[in-house]
Amino acid sequence: MEDDDIENEKKQEYFCVNLANLSKDELTQYIVFLEKEIKRTKAEISNKSSALGAANLLFKKEI
C-alpha cells in the first residue's frame, strides 16, 4: 500500500460520522464534542512544538 493510500484512510477515519442520522440535539452535542477535540488537538500541537523547540535548543539546531 502506498503512503498516499495510508494517508487517505487516516483522513477518512476522522470523517466517519453520518450527520443525516443525527437529530438536532445530537448535532448540537456533536459540535460541543468537536470543539473540545479542537482544543485538545491544539494543546497537543503546542506540547509537540515545545518539545521540538527544547530538543532543538539541546542540540543547538536552529529552527
Protein backbone atom coordinates (compact mmCIF):
# COMPACT_ATOMS: atom_id res chain seq x y z
CA MET A 1 0.00 0.00 0.00
CA GLU A 2 1.36 3.41 -0.94
CA ASP A 3 1.82 6.27 1.53
CA ASP A 4 -0.99 8.27 -0.14
CA ASP A 5 -3.41 5.39 0.36
CA ILE A 6 -2.50 5.18 4.04
CA GLU A 7 -2.96 8.94 4.47
CA ASN A 8 -6.37 8.84 2.76
CA GLU A 9 -7.51 6.02 5.04
CA LYS A 10 -6.44 8.01 8.11
CA LYS A 11 -8.33 11.07 6.90
CA GLN A 12 -11.47 9.02 6.29
CA GLU A 13 -11.44 7.85 9.91
CA TYR A 14 -11.88 11.47 11.01
CA PHE A 15 -15.00 11.97 8.89
CA CYS A 16 -16.93 8.78 9.50
CA VAL A 17 -19.98 10.29 11.26
CA ASN A 18 -23.15 10.25 9.17
CA LEU A 19 -24.74 13.57 10.12
CA ALA A 20 -28.02 12.73 8.38
CA ASN A 21 -28.72 10.13 11.07
CA LEU A 22 -28.36 12.61 13.95
CA SER A 23 -31.14 14.67 15.50
CA LYS A 24 -30.84 18.42 16.01
CA ASP A 25 -29.90 17.87 19.69
CA GLU A 26 -27.35 15.22 18.76
CA LEU A 27 -25.83 17.55 16.19
CA THR A 28 -25.51 20.25 18.84
CA GLN A 29 -23.82 17.76 21.19
CA TYR A 30 -21.55 16.70 18.35
CA ILE A 31 -20.48 20.32 17.82
CA VAL A 32 -19.61 20.61 21.52
CA PHE A 33 -17.59 17.40 21.23
CA LEU A 34 -15.75 18.68 18.15
CA GLU A 35 -14.94 22.00 19.85
CA LYS A 36 -13.43 20.07 22.77
CA GLU A 37 -11.46 17.94 20.30
CA ILE A 38 -10.15 21.10 18.61
CA LYS A 39 -8.95 22.46 21.97
CA ARG A 40 -7.36 19.11 22.84
CA THR A 41 -5.67 18.91 19.45
CA LYS A 42 -4.33 22.47 19.69
CA ALA A 43 -2.92 21.68 23.14
CA GLU A 44 -1.18 18.60 21.75
CA ILE A 45 0.28 20.64 18.88
CA SER A 46 1.55 23.17 21.41
CA ASN A 47 3.12 20.40 23.52
CA LYS A 48 4.84 18.91 20.49
CA SER A 49 6.07 22.32 19.36
CA SER A 50 7.51 22.98 22.82
CA ALA A 51 9.21 19.59 22.87
CA LEU A 52 10.67 20.18 19.42
CA GLY A 53 11.91 23.61 20.46
CA ALA A 54 13.54 22.17 23.57
CA ALA A 55 15.18 19.41 21.53
CA ASN A 56 16.47 21.94 19.02
CA LEU A 57 17.96 24.02 21.84
CA LEU A 58 19.52 20.93 23.38
CA PHE A 59 21.20 20.01 20.13
CA LYS A 60 21.80 23.66 19.23
CA LYS A 61 19.95 23.28 15.96
CA GLU A 62 18.48 26.50 14.59
CA ILE A 63 14.78 26.41 13.76
